[in-house]
Amino acid sequence: MQYVTRFNLQPLQGGAFREWLTKNDALLREGQAQGWTYLGAWFTVHGFGRYDVELRYEVGDYANLCAGFGSEALQKAWIEASDMILPGQGEVSLLFGSARRLDAYRMISSKGIPR
């Protein structure tokens, strides 16, 4: 499944955030918590969409959501980037790969539940 986070940047910080992403690309890929894979970042174009930036991660399963925040170096890098991000203006979504996978998950998760 994919963990998607969207947020807005402080005014005039798009270029600086792109530079931060480029500088920290290896860290974003290698410093993730166990079960997390960084898929990349996307920017909106000319104001289309509610958010400036979208980051996507592949997450193995729900247990990985509690796996921590990645390496100490990655956490320090995010602290550096936090000055470029507008606080309180974001959202997170959890997406399944397909309806078929969602149905399979529902079948597995409903086993053992009394009806």
N, C-alpha and C. Protein backbone atom coordinates (compact mmCIF):
# COMPACT_ATOMS: atom_id res chain seq x y z
N MET A 1 0.84 -1.17 0.00
CA MET A 1 0.00 0.00 0.00
C MET A 1 0.89 1.24 0.00
N GLN A 2 0.31 2.35 -0.40
CA GLN A 2 1.09 3.58 -0.45
C GLN A 2 0.62 4.56 0.63
N TYR A 3 1.61 5.17 1.28
CA TYR A 3 1.39 6.24 2.25
C TYR A 3 1.70 7.52 1.50
N VAL A 4 0.72 8.41 1.39
CA VAL A 4 0.86 9.64 0.62
C VAL A 4 0.67 10.83 1.56
N THR A 5 1.63 11.72 1.57
CA THR A 5 1.50 12.93 2.38
C THR A 5 1.61 14.15 1.46
N ARG A 6 0.71 15.09 1.66
CA ARG A 6 0.68 16.31 0.85
C ARG A 6 0.77 17.51 1.78
N PHE A 7 1.47 18.55 1.32
CA PHE A 7 1.60 19.75 2.15
C PHE A 7 1.94 20.94 1.28
N ASN A 8 1.82 22.13 1.87
CA ASN A 8 2.17 23.37 1.20
C ASN A 8 3.50 23.88 1.73
N LEU A 9 4.17 24.63 0.89
CA LEU A 9 5.46 25.23 1.26
C LEU A 9 5.28 26.70 1.62
N GLN A 10 6.20 27.20 2.40
CA GLN A 10 6.25 28.63 2.69
C GLN A 10 6.41 29.37 1.35
N PRO A 11 5.94 30.61 1.25
CA PRO A 11 6.09 31.37 0.00
C PRO A 11 7.55 31.40 -0.47
N LEU A 12 7.73 31.22 -1.75
CA LEU A 12 9.03 31.30 -2.43
C LEU A 12 10.02 30.23 -1.98
N GLN A 13 9.54 29.10 -1.46
CA GLN A 13 10.44 28.04 -1.00
C GLN A 13 10.46 26.82 -1.92
N GLY A 14 9.76 26.87 -3.05
CA GLY A 14 9.72 25.73 -3.96
C GLY A 14 11.10 25.32 -4.45
N GLY A 15 11.89 26.29 -4.89
CA GLY A 15 13.24 25.99 -5.37
C GLY A 15 14.13 25.45 -4.28
N ALA A 16 14.06 26.03 -3.10
CA ALA A 16 14.88 25.57 -1.97
C ALA A 16 14.48 24.16 -1.56
N PHE A 17 13.17 23.86 -1.60
CA PHE A 17 12.74 22.50 -1.23
C PHE A 17 13.18 21.49 -2.28
N ARG A 18 13.13 21.85 -3.56
CA ARG A 18 13.64 20.95 -4.61
C ARG A 18 15.12 20.67 -4.40
N GLU A 19 15.88 21.70 -4.05
CA GLU A 19 17.31 21.51 -3.77
C GLU A 19 17.50 20.59 -2.57
N TRP A 20 16.68 20.76 -1.54
CA TRP A 20 16.76 19.89 -0.36
C TRP A 20 16.48 18.44 -0.75
N LEU A 21 15.44 18.23 -1.59
CA LEU A 21 15.12 16.87 -2.04
C LEU A 21 16.28 16.25 -2.81
N THR A 22 16.90 17.04 -3.69
CA THR A 22 18.03 16.53 -4.47
C THR A 22 19.20 16.19 -3.56
N LYS A 23 19.51 17.09 -2.64
CA LYS A 23 20.63 16.88 -1.72
C LYS A 23 20.42 15.66 -0.84
N ASN A 24 19.18 15.40 -0.46
CA ASN A 24 18.88 14.32 0.49
C ASN A 24 18.25 13.09 -0.16
N ASP A 25 18.34 12.97 -1.49
CA ASP A 25 17.69 11.86 -2.19
C ASP A 25 18.16 10.50 -1.66
N ALA A 26 19.46 10.30 -1.54
CA ALA A 26 19.97 9.01 -1.06
C ALA A 26 19.49 8.74 0.37
N LEU A 27 19.48 9.75 1.19
CA LEU A 27 19.03 9.60 2.58
C LEU A 27 17.54 9.26 2.63
N LEU A 28 16.74 9.90 1.77
CA LEU A 28 15.31 9.61 1.71
C LEU A 28 15.06 8.16 1.29
N ARG A 29 15.91 7.64 0.43
CA ARG A 29 15.75 6.26 -0.03
C ARG A 29 16.30 5.23 0.95
N GLU A 30 17.42 5.54 1.59
CA GLU A 30 18.11 4.56 2.42
C GLU A 30 17.84 4.71 3.91
N GLY A 31 17.36 5.86 4.36
CA GLY A 31 17.20 6.11 5.78
C GLY A 31 15.82 5.84 6.34
N GLN A 32 14.93 5.28 5.53
CA GLN A 32 13.55 5.05 5.97
C GLN A 32 13.49 3.96 7.04
N ALA A 33 12.43 4.01 7.82
CA ALA A 33 12.18 2.97 8.82
C ALA A 33 11.94 1.64 8.11
N GLN A 34 12.10 0.55 8.84
CA GLN A 34 11.91 -0.78 8.28
C GLN A 34 10.50 -0.91 7.69
N GLY A 35 10.42 -1.43 6.47
CA GLY A 35 9.15 -1.64 5.81
C GLY A 35 8.67 -0.46 4.97
N TRP A 36 9.42 0.64 4.97
CA TRP A 36 9.06 1.83 4.21
C TRP A 36 10.01 1.98 3.02
N THR A 37 9.46 2.32 1.86
CA THR A 37 10.26 2.60 0.67
C THR A 37 9.83 3.95 0.12
N TYR A 38 10.77 4.87 0.00
CA TYR A 38 10.49 6.20 -0.56
C TYR A 38 10.31 6.06 -2.07
N LEU A 39 9.18 6.52 -2.60
CA LEU A 39 8.90 6.43 -4.03
C LEU A 39 9.18 7.72 -4.78
N GLY A 40 9.15 8.85 -4.10
CA GLY A 40 9.46 10.10 -4.77
C GLY A 40 8.57 11.24 -4.32
N ALA A 41 8.86 12.41 -4.91
CA ALA A 41 8.12 13.64 -4.60
C ALA A 41 7.58 14.22 -5.90
N TRP A 42 6.40 14.81 -5.82
CA TRP A 42 5.77 15.45 -6.96
C TRP A 42 5.32 16.84 -6.54
N PHE A 43 5.40 17.78 -7.48
CA PHE A 43 4.97 19.15 -7.24
C PHE A 43 3.77 19.46 -8.13
N THR A 44 2.86 20.32 -7.63
CA THR A 44 1.77 20.78 -8.48
C THR A 44 2.34 21.78 -9.48
N VAL A 45 1.62 21.97 -10.57
CA VAL A 45 2.07 22.86 -11.63
C VAL A 45 1.16 24.07 -11.70
N HIS A 46 1.74 25.25 -11.56
CA HIS A 46 1.01 26.52 -11.68
C HIS A 46 -0.26 26.56 -10.83
N GLY A 47 -0.19 26.05 -9.62
CA GLY A 47 -1.30 26.16 -8.70
C GLY A 47 -2.43 25.17 -8.87
N PHE A 48 -2.28 24.17 -9.75
CA PHE A 48 -3.33 23.15 -9.88
C PHE A 48 -3.22 22.20 -8.70
N GLY A 49 -4.28 22.09 -7.94
CA GLY A 49 -4.29 21.23 -6.76
C GLY A 49 -4.23 22.06 -5.49
N ARG A 50 -4.63 21.44 -4.38
CA ARG A 50 -4.68 22.15 -3.09
C ARG A 50 -3.33 22.22 -2.41
N TYR A 51 -2.41 21.33 -2.77
CA TYR A 51 -1.13 21.26 -2.07
C TYR A 51 0.02 21.42 -3.05
N ASP A 52 1.12 21.96 -2.55
CA ASP A 52 2.30 22.21 -3.39
C ASP A 52 3.10 20.94 -3.67
N VAL A 53 3.19 20.06 -2.68
CA VAL A 53 4.09 18.90 -2.76
C VAL A 53 3.36 17.64 -2.32
N GLU A 54 3.69 16.54 -2.97
CA GLU A 54 3.19 15.23 -2.55
C GLU A 54 4.38 14.28 -2.46
N LEU A 55 4.52 13.60 -1.33
CA LEU A 55 5.54 12.57 -1.15
C LEU A 55 4.84 11.23 -1.05
N ARG A 56 5.42 10.20 -1.69
CA ARG A 56 4.83 8.87 -1.64
C ARG A 56 5.83 7.85 -1.13
N TYR A 57 5.31 6.93 -0.34
CA TYR A 57 6.09 5.83 0.21
C TYR A 57 5.32 4.53 0.00
N GLU A 58 6.03 3.45 -0.25
CA GLU A 58 5.42 2.12 -0.24
C GLU A 58 5.60 1.58 1.17
N VAL A 59 4.52 1.09 1.75
CA VAL A 59 4.55 0.56 3.11
C VAL A 59 4.10 -0.90 3.05
N GLY A 60 4.91 -1.79 3.61
CA GLY A 60 4.63 -3.23 3.52
C GLY A 60 3.28 -3.62 4.10
N ASP A 61 2.98 -3.21 5.31
CA ASP A 61 1.69 -3.49 5.93
C ASP A 61 1.46 -2.52 7.09
N TYR A 62 0.32 -2.66 7.73
CA TYR A 62 -0.03 -1.73 8.81
C TYR A 62 0.99 -1.72 9.94
N ALA A 63 1.61 -2.85 10.23
CA ALA A 63 2.60 -2.91 11.31
C ALA A 63 3.75 -1.94 11.05
N ASN A 64 4.08 -1.71 9.79
CA ASN A 64 5.17 -0.80 9.45
C ASN A 64 4.85 0.66 9.75
N LEU A 65 3.58 0.99 9.93
CA LEU A 65 3.22 2.36 10.27
C LEU A 65 3.75 2.74 11.66
N CYS A 66 4.06 1.74 12.47
CA CYS A 66 4.58 1.97 13.83
C CYS A 66 6.08 1.70 13.90
N ALA A 67 6.76 1.68 12.76
CA ALA A 67 8.17 1.28 12.71
C ALA A 67 9.13 2.40 13.10
N GLY A 68 8.64 3.58 13.43
CA GLY A 68 9.53 4.68 13.79
C GLY A 68 9.63 5.70 12.68
N PHE A 69 10.64 6.55 12.79
CA PHE A 69 10.76 7.68 11.87
C PHE A 69 12.01 7.61 11.00
N GLY A 70 12.62 6.46 10.90
CA GLY A 70 13.81 6.33 10.07
C GLY A 70 15.07 6.66 10.85
N SER A 71 16.16 6.78 10.12
CA SER A 71 17.46 7.00 10.74
C SER A 71 17.53 8.38 11.41
N GLU A 72 18.48 8.52 12.31
CA GLU A 72 18.68 9.81 12.98
C GLU A 72 19.05 10.88 11.96
N ALA A 73 19.86 10.51 10.96
CA ALA A 73 20.25 11.47 9.92
C ALA A 73 19.03 11.95 9.14
N LEU A 74 18.10 11.04 8.84
CA LEU A 74 16.89 11.42 8.12
C LEU A 74 16.03 12.36 8.97
N GLN A 75 15.91 12.08 10.25
CA GLN A 75 15.14 12.95 11.13
C GLN A 75 15.74 14.35 11.20
N LYS A 76 17.07 14.44 11.25
CA LYS A 76 17.74 15.75 11.26
C LYS A 76 17.49 16.49 9.95
N ALA A 77 17.51 15.76 8.84
CA ALA A 77 17.25 16.39 7.54
C ALA A 77 15.83 16.96 7.49
N TRP A 78 14.85 16.22 8.03
CA TRP A 78 13.47 16.72 8.04
C TRP A 78 13.32 17.94 8.94
N ILE A 79 14.08 18.00 10.02
CA ILE A 79 14.06 19.20 10.87
C ILE A 79 14.56 20.40 10.07
N GLU A 80 15.60 20.19 9.27
CA GLU A 80 16.13 21.24 8.39
C GLU A 80 15.07 21.70 7.40
N ALA A 81 14.31 20.76 6.85
CA ALA A 81 13.30 21.09 5.84
C ALA A 81 12.05 21.72 6.44
N SER A 82 11.83 21.53 7.72
CA SER A 82 10.57 21.98 8.32
C SER A 82 10.36 23.49 8.22
N ASP A 83 11.43 24.26 8.13
CA ASP A 83 11.29 25.71 7.98
C ASP A 83 10.69 26.10 6.63
N MET A 84 10.74 25.19 5.66
CA MET A 84 10.21 25.47 4.32
C MET A 84 8.74 25.07 4.19
N ILE A 85 8.21 24.34 5.16
CA ILE A 85 6.87 23.77 5.07
C ILE A 85 5.90 24.60 5.92
N LEU A 86 4.73 24.91 5.34
CA LEU A 86 3.70 25.62 6.10
C LEU A 86 3.08 24.67 7.12
N PRO A 87 3.07 25.02 8.38
CA PRO A 87 2.51 24.13 9.40
C PRO A 87 0.99 24.05 9.31
N GLY A 88 0.46 22.88 9.62
CA GLY A 88 -0.98 22.70 9.71
C GLY A 88 -1.73 22.69 8.41
N GLN A 89 -1.03 22.62 7.28
CA GLN A 89 -1.71 22.64 5.99
C GLN A 89 -1.31 21.41 5.18
N GLY A 90 -1.76 20.27 5.59
CA GLY A 90 -1.42 19.06 4.87
C GLY A 90 -2.42 17.96 5.14
N GLU A 91 -2.20 16.85 4.45
CA GLU A 91 -3.05 15.69 4.65
C GLU A 91 -2.26 14.43 4.35
N VAL A 92 -2.73 13.33 4.88
CA VAL A 92 -2.10 12.03 4.66
C VAL A 92 -3.18 11.08 4.18
N SER A 93 -2.84 10.24 3.20
CA SER A 93 -3.76 9.22 2.69
C SER A 93 -3.03 7.88 2.68
N LEU A 94 -3.78 6.82 2.82
CA LEU A 94 -3.24 5.48 2.71
C LEU A 94 -3.97 4.81 1.56
N LEU A 95 -3.25 4.47 0.50
CA LEU A 95 -3.85 3.93 -0.71
C LEU A 95 -3.48 2.47 -0.90
N PHE A 96 -4.46 1.65 -1.26
CA PHE A 96 -4.20 0.27 -1.63
C PHE A 96 -3.88 0.23 -3.11
N GLY A 97 -3.12 -0.78 -3.53
CA GLY A 97 -2.69 -0.87 -4.92
C GLY A 97 -3.83 -1.06 -5.90
N SER A 98 -4.86 -1.79 -5.51
CA SER A 98 -5.97 -2.03 -6.42
C SER A 98 -7.19 -2.47 -5.61
N ALA A 99 -8.33 -2.45 -6.24
CA ALA A 99 -9.55 -2.91 -5.58
C ALA A 99 -9.43 -4.40 -5.24
N ARG A 100 -8.76 -5.17 -6.08
CA ARG A 100 -8.58 -6.60 -5.81
C ARG A 100 -7.79 -6.80 -4.52
N ARG A 101 -6.72 -6.03 -4.33
CA ARG A 101 -5.93 -6.14 -3.10
C ARG A 101 -6.75 -5.70 -1.90
N LEU A 102 -7.58 -4.69 -2.06
CA LEU A 102 -8.43 -4.22 -0.96
C LEU A 102 -9.41 -5.32 -0.57
N ASP A 103 -10.04 -5.97 -1.56
CA ASP A 103 -10.96 -7.07 -1.26
C ASP A 103 -10.23 -8.20 -0.54
N ALA A 104 -9.02 -8.53 -0.97
CA ALA A 104 -8.24 -9.58 -0.31
C ALA A 104 -7.94 -9.18 1.13
N TYR A 105 -7.62 -7.92 1.35
CA TYR A 105 -7.35 -7.45 2.72
C TYR A 105 -8.60 -7.57 3.58
N ARG A 106 -9.74 -7.19 3.03
CA ARG A 106 -10.98 -7.27 3.80
C ARG A 106 -11.28 -8.71 4.20
N MET A 107 -11.05 -9.66 3.27
CA MET A 107 -11.31 -11.06 3.58
C MET A 107 -10.38 -11.54 4.68
N ILE A 108 -9.10 -11.19 4.60
CA ILE A 108 -8.13 -11.62 5.59
C ILE A 108 -8.43 -10.99 6.94
N SER A 109 -8.71 -9.69 6.95
CA SER A 109 -8.90 -9.00 8.23
C SER A 109 -10.22 -9.36 8.90
N SER A 110 -11.20 -9.87 8.14
CA SER A 110 -12.49 -10.19 8.75
C SER A 110 -12.52 -11.60 9.33
N LYS A 111 -11.51 -12.43 9.05
CA LYS A 111 -11.49 -13.79 9.60
C LYS A 111 -11.36 -13.70 11.11
N GLY A 112 -12.11 -14.52 11.78
CA GLY A 112 -12.02 -14.56 13.23
C GLY A 112 -12.91 -13.54 13.94
N ILE A 113 -13.58 -12.70 13.18
CA ILE A 113 -14.48 -11.72 13.79
C ILE A 113 -15.86 -12.36 13.90
N PRO A 114 -16.41 -12.45 15.11
CA PRO A 114 -17.74 -13.07 15.25
C PRO A 114 -18.79 -12.27 14.49
N ARG A 115 -19.68 -12.99 13.88
CA ARG A 115 -20.75 -12.33 13.12
C ARG A 115 -22.06 -12.52 13.82
